Amino acid sequence: MWTRKGLKTYAKGVMKANYWRSVLVGFLLFFIVGVGSGSSSVTGAVGGQSLGLLSIDSVSPAGILLMMGIMVLLGLIISLAAVFVSIFLTNPLGMGCKRFFYCNLEQSAEVKELAWGFDHHYKNVVKTLFFRDLFTILWSLLFVIPGIIKSYEYKMIPYLLSEYPDMPREDAFAISKYMMDGNKWKAFVLDLSFIPWLLLTSVTFGLAGIFYVNPYMAQTEAALYDALKMEKQPFSSQTDQEDDFLKG
């Protein structure tokens, strides 16, 4: 039975053994997330400039409607581009990040693991992670709590794909659900235990996050996957199926 203290102690030791690579992967992940949030800033800037133009008294009503149409169109284009980047680039890279930290449990992982998803059943990885995001969003529409519960239910999907990239989508969802059964609340409390570290990240303008907190949290989550895999033995009655995944 895993414990928060045990996982975090184990994760810290593993991370320190491969510190600079862990920091680099954590920084790249931070940069990837920053690109996603940056698209919102661009949208806001476009909107702000358009509104500034709309305040010009000399613009005719037809011109105002035209500029509003252009503003909406630009917003849609930027939003679609952000979704495209998330589906085809950010998600596979995020999975590669999780693979790095999982591999790091056994030996010093290489940064090249980040690109692993692009060379191993890329289409299946993209499709499965897309449906993970879609289902999470749809559950979130039923209020916030169902979305949070489902996000924890799907938490192990990227790790499963990082080992078995050709795993069918239905199996990835079912196995992640099985692994998280009885562990969602404990995993949630584990995440809450990092709040003081996140506060430290804020007061250090992100430096603590880059050089310690981000890789520490990622390594702990990878240790959680490893612990649940040993505890739940999701493939114990499917040895032949696991061998097929390993060959992929």
Protein backbone atom coordinates (compact mmCIF):
# COMPACT_ATOMS: atom_id res chain seq x y z
CA MET A 1 0.00 0.00 0.00
CA TRP A 2 1.57 3.26 -1.12
CA THR A 3 1.81 6.34 1.08
CA ARG A 4 2.32 10.03 0.25
CA LYS A 5 5.47 10.22 2.30
CA GLY A 6 6.92 7.09 0.73
CA LEU A 7 6.24 8.24 -2.83
CA LYS A 8 7.59 11.74 -2.28
CA THR A 9 10.74 10.52 -0.54
CA TYR A 10 11.37 8.03 -3.33
CA ALA A 11 10.70 10.66 -6.01
CA LYS A 12 13.11 13.17 -4.46
CA GLY A 13 15.91 10.62 -4.40
CA VAL A 14 15.34 9.58 -8.01
CA MET A 15 15.08 13.18 -9.22
CA LYS A 16 18.31 14.20 -7.49
CA ALA A 17 20.15 11.29 -9.12
CA ASN A 18 19.32 12.72 -12.57
CA TYR A 19 18.78 16.31 -11.51
CA TRP A 20 19.74 18.48 -14.48
CA ARG A 21 17.92 16.38 -17.06
CA SER A 22 14.86 16.36 -14.82
CA VAL A 23 15.06 20.14 -14.53
CA LEU A 24 15.39 20.49 -18.30
CA VAL A 25 12.35 18.30 -18.98
CA GLY A 26 10.41 20.22 -16.33
CA PHE A 27 11.41 23.51 -17.96
CA LEU A 28 10.37 22.28 -21.41
CA LEU A 29 7.01 21.22 -20.02
CA PHE A 30 6.62 24.64 -18.40
CA PHE A 31 7.45 26.26 -21.76
CA ILE A 32 4.90 24.08 -23.58
CA VAL A 33 2.16 25.07 -21.14
CA GLY A 34 3.26 28.70 -21.50
CA VAL A 35 2.76 28.53 -25.27
CA GLY A 36 -0.82 27.38 -24.71
CA SER A 37 -1.59 30.21 -22.32
CA GLY A 38 0.16 32.64 -24.62
CA SER A 39 -2.48 32.09 -27.27
CA SER A 40 -5.03 33.59 -24.89
CA SER A 41 -2.83 36.65 -24.54
CA VAL A 42 -2.66 37.01 -28.30
CA THR A 43 -6.44 36.74 -28.52
CA GLY A 44 -6.78 39.40 -25.86
CA ALA A 45 -4.32 41.67 -27.67
CA VAL A 46 -6.19 41.29 -30.94
CA GLY A 47 -9.46 42.07 -29.18
CA GLY A 48 -7.93 45.09 -27.43
CA GLN A 49 -6.55 46.54 -30.65
CA SER A 50 -9.87 46.02 -32.39
CA LEU A 51 -11.77 47.70 -29.58
CA GLY A 52 -9.32 50.58 -29.77
CA LEU A 53 -10.08 50.95 -33.45
CA LEU A 54 -13.79 50.79 -32.77
CA SER A 55 -13.53 53.88 -30.58
CA ILE A 56 -12.52 56.03 -33.52
CA ASP A 57 -15.43 58.36 -34.22
CA SER A 58 -14.76 58.50 -37.95
CA VAL A 59 -15.48 54.79 -38.47
CA SER A 60 -18.83 54.16 -40.13
CA PRO A 61 -21.33 51.56 -38.80
CA ALA A 62 -20.45 49.29 -41.72
CA GLY A 63 -16.76 49.63 -40.86
CA ILE A 64 -17.48 48.78 -37.23
CA LEU A 65 -19.35 45.63 -38.25
CA LEU A 66 -16.50 44.68 -40.59
CA MET A 67 -13.89 45.08 -37.85
CA MET A 68 -16.04 43.11 -35.41
CA GLY A 69 -16.29 40.33 -37.98
CA ILE A 70 -12.52 40.37 -38.47
CA MET A 71 -12.00 40.27 -34.70
CA VAL A 72 -14.28 37.23 -34.34
CA LEU A 73 -12.62 35.50 -37.29
CA LEU A 74 -9.14 36.09 -35.86
CA GLY A 75 -10.29 34.80 -32.49
CA LEU A 76 -11.63 31.63 -34.10
CA ILE A 77 -8.44 31.09 -36.09
CA ILE A 78 -6.27 31.53 -33.00
CA SER A 79 -8.50 29.23 -30.96
CA LEU A 80 -8.45 26.53 -33.64
CA ALA A 81 -4.67 26.84 -33.92
CA ALA A 82 -4.34 26.43 -30.16
CA VAL A 83 -6.54 23.31 -30.23
CA PHE A 84 -4.53 21.91 -33.15
CA VAL A 85 -1.25 22.46 -31.30
CA SER A 86 -2.66 20.88 -28.14
CA ILE A 87 -3.91 17.75 -29.93
CA PHE A 88 -1.00 17.08 -32.27
CA LEU A 89 1.98 18.51 -30.38
CA THR A 90 1.41 19.31 -26.72
CA ASN A 91 -0.34 16.06 -25.78
CA PRO A 92 2.31 13.74 -27.29
CA LEU A 93 5.08 15.87 -25.75
CA GLY A 94 3.32 15.77 -22.40
CA MET A 95 3.14 11.99 -22.65
CA GLY A 96 6.86 11.97 -23.50
CA CYS A 97 7.52 13.97 -20.36
CA LYS A 98 5.67 11.40 -18.28
CA ARG A 99 7.62 8.62 -20.00
CA PHE A 100 10.87 10.38 -19.10
CA PHE A 101 10.00 10.50 -15.42
CA TYR A 102 8.71 6.93 -15.44
CA CYS A 103 11.90 5.65 -17.09
CA ASN A 104 13.84 7.74 -14.59
CA LEU A 105 12.60 5.42 -11.83
CA GLU A 106 14.71 2.58 -13.19
CA GLN A 107 17.73 4.42 -14.59
CA SER A 108 18.83 7.90 -15.57
CA ALA A 109 16.42 8.75 -18.37
CA GLU A 110 17.44 10.58 -21.53
CA VAL A 111 15.80 13.81 -22.67
CA LYS A 112 15.06 12.15 -26.02
CA GLU A 113 12.19 10.29 -24.31
CA LEU A 114 10.18 13.48 -24.83
CA ALA A 115 9.83 12.70 -28.52
CA TRP A 116 9.05 9.01 -28.01
CA GLY A 117 5.36 9.37 -28.77
CA PHE A 118 6.05 10.79 -32.23
CA ASP A 119 7.90 7.62 -33.28
CA HIS A 120 5.67 5.02 -31.64
CA HIS A 121 2.07 4.72 -32.82
CA TYR A 122 1.66 8.48 -32.97
CA LYS A 123 -1.89 8.36 -34.36
CA ASN A 124 -3.11 6.11 -31.56
CA VAL A 125 -1.47 8.31 -28.93
CA VAL A 126 -3.05 11.44 -30.42
CA LYS A 127 -6.48 9.81 -30.70
CA THR A 128 -6.51 8.38 -27.17
CA LEU A 129 -5.32 11.60 -25.51
CA PHE A 130 -7.81 13.61 -27.57
CA PHE A 131 -10.69 11.51 -26.27
CA ARG A 132 -9.30 11.79 -22.73
CA ASP A 133 -9.46 15.59 -23.02
CA LEU A 134 -12.85 15.53 -24.73
CA PHE A 135 -14.47 13.28 -22.13
CA THR A 136 -12.99 15.35 -19.30
CA ILE A 137 -14.46 18.52 -20.80
CA LEU A 138 -17.86 16.92 -21.32
CA TRP A 139 -17.95 15.65 -17.74
CA SER A 140 -16.91 19.11 -16.55
CA LEU A 141 -20.02 20.54 -18.20
CA LEU A 142 -22.02 18.68 -15.55
CA PHE A 143 -20.40 21.02 -12.99
CA VAL A 144 -16.79 21.01 -11.85
CA ILE A 145 -16.71 18.01 -9.51
CA PRO A 146 -17.55 15.29 -12.10
CA GLY A 147 -14.81 16.69 -14.34
CA ILE A 148 -12.28 16.54 -11.50
CA ILE A 149 -13.27 12.97 -10.66
CA LYS A 150 -12.91 11.89 -14.29
CA SER A 151 -9.56 13.66 -14.65
CA TYR A 152 -8.27 11.48 -11.81
CA GLU A 153 -9.89 8.40 -13.30
CA TYR A 154 -8.02 9.09 -16.55
CA LYS A 155 -4.76 10.04 -14.79
CA MET A 156 -2.85 6.88 -15.74
CA ILE A 157 -3.71 6.95 -19.46
CA PRO A 158 -0.54 8.85 -20.57
CA TYR A 159 1.65 6.49 -18.55
CA LEU A 160 -0.03 3.43 -20.06
CA LEU A 161 0.52 4.86 -23.54
CA SER A 162 4.13 5.65 -22.66
CA GLU A 163 4.68 1.91 -22.19
CA TYR A 164 2.16 0.51 -24.64
CA PRO A 165 1.58 3.15 -27.35
CA ASP A 166 -0.54 0.78 -29.45
CA MET A 167 -2.94 0.06 -26.58
CA PRO A 168 -6.54 0.41 -27.82
CA ARG A 169 -8.32 3.47 -26.49
CA GLU A 170 -10.97 1.40 -24.71
CA ASP A 171 -8.31 -0.61 -22.88
CA ALA A 172 -6.38 2.50 -21.84
CA PHE A 173 -9.51 4.01 -20.30
CA ALA A 174 -10.58 0.76 -18.63
CA ILE A 175 -7.16 0.01 -17.14
CA SER A 176 -6.65 3.57 -15.90
CA LYS A 177 -10.09 3.40 -14.26
CA TYR A 178 -9.18 0.09 -12.63
CA MET A 179 -5.84 1.39 -11.37
CA MET A 180 -7.41 4.54 -9.91
CA ASP A 181 -10.34 2.72 -8.34
CA GLY A 182 -10.05 3.40 -4.62
CA ASN A 183 -7.09 5.72 -5.23
CA LYS A 184 -8.66 8.87 -6.68
CA TRP A 185 -9.11 10.57 -3.32
CA LYS A 186 -5.62 9.58 -2.15
CA ALA A 187 -4.15 10.91 -5.40
CA PHE A 188 -6.10 14.15 -4.95
CA VAL A 189 -4.74 14.57 -1.41
CA LEU A 190 -1.26 13.82 -2.76
CA ASP A 191 -1.64 16.71 -5.21
CA LEU A 192 -2.91 18.99 -2.43
CA SER A 193 0.23 18.25 -0.43
CA PHE A 194 2.21 20.20 -3.02
CA ILE A 195 0.33 23.47 -2.36
CA PRO A 196 3.12 24.89 -0.14
CA TRP A 197 5.61 24.17 -2.94
CA LEU A 198 3.34 25.90 -5.46
CA LEU A 199 3.14 28.93 -3.19
CA LEU A 200 6.93 28.95 -3.05
CA THR A 201 6.96 28.85 -6.85
CA SER A 202 4.72 31.92 -6.93
CA VAL A 203 6.82 34.00 -4.55
CA THR A 204 10.02 33.09 -6.42
CA PHE A 205 8.48 34.12 -9.77
CA GLY A 206 8.56 30.55 -11.07
CA LEU A 207 12.22 29.82 -10.31
CA ALA A 208 11.45 27.27 -7.60
CA GLY A 209 9.08 25.56 -10.02
CA ILE A 210 11.66 25.28 -12.77
CA PHE A 211 14.55 24.14 -10.61
CA TYR A 212 12.72 21.90 -8.16
CA VAL A 213 8.92 21.82 -7.81
CA ASN A 214 7.89 20.87 -11.37
CA PRO A 215 10.29 17.91 -11.73
CA TYR A 216 9.55 16.88 -8.12
CA MET A 217 5.80 16.75 -8.77
CA ALA A 218 6.22 14.96 -12.10
CA GLN A 219 8.56 12.39 -10.58
CA THR A 220 6.13 11.77 -7.73
CA GLU A 221 3.26 11.15 -10.14
CA ALA A 222 5.41 8.69 -12.09
CA ALA A 223 6.19 6.93 -8.81
CA LEU A 224 2.44 6.77 -8.15
CA TYR A 225 1.88 5.03 -11.49
CA ASP A 226 4.63 2.54 -10.69
CA ALA A 227 3.16 1.89 -7.23
CA LEU A 228 -0.36 1.39 -8.60
CA LYS A 229 0.94 -0.90 -11.30
CA MET A 230 2.56 -3.13 -8.70
CA GLU A 231 -0.41 -2.90 -6.34
CA LYS A 232 -3.21 -3.43 -8.85
CA GLN A 233 -1.38 -5.79 -11.25
CA PRO A 234 -3.60 -4.71 -14.18
CA PHE A 235 -2.02 -7.20 -16.55
CA SER A 236 -1.77 -10.16 -14.19
CA SER A 237 -4.58 -12.00 -15.97
CA GLN A 238 -3.64 -10.64 -19.40
CA THR A 239 -0.02 -11.73 -19.77
CA ASP A 240 -0.33 -12.43 -23.48
CA GLN A 241 -1.92 -9.03 -24.08
CA GLU A 242 0.87 -7.28 -22.18
CA ASP A 243 3.44 -9.11 -24.30
CA ASP A 244 1.67 -7.83 -27.42
CA PHE A 245 1.85 -4.26 -26.09
CA LEU A 246 5.52 -4.63 -25.27
CA LYS A 247 6.27 -5.78 -28.82
CA GLY A 248 4.64 -2.56 -30.07
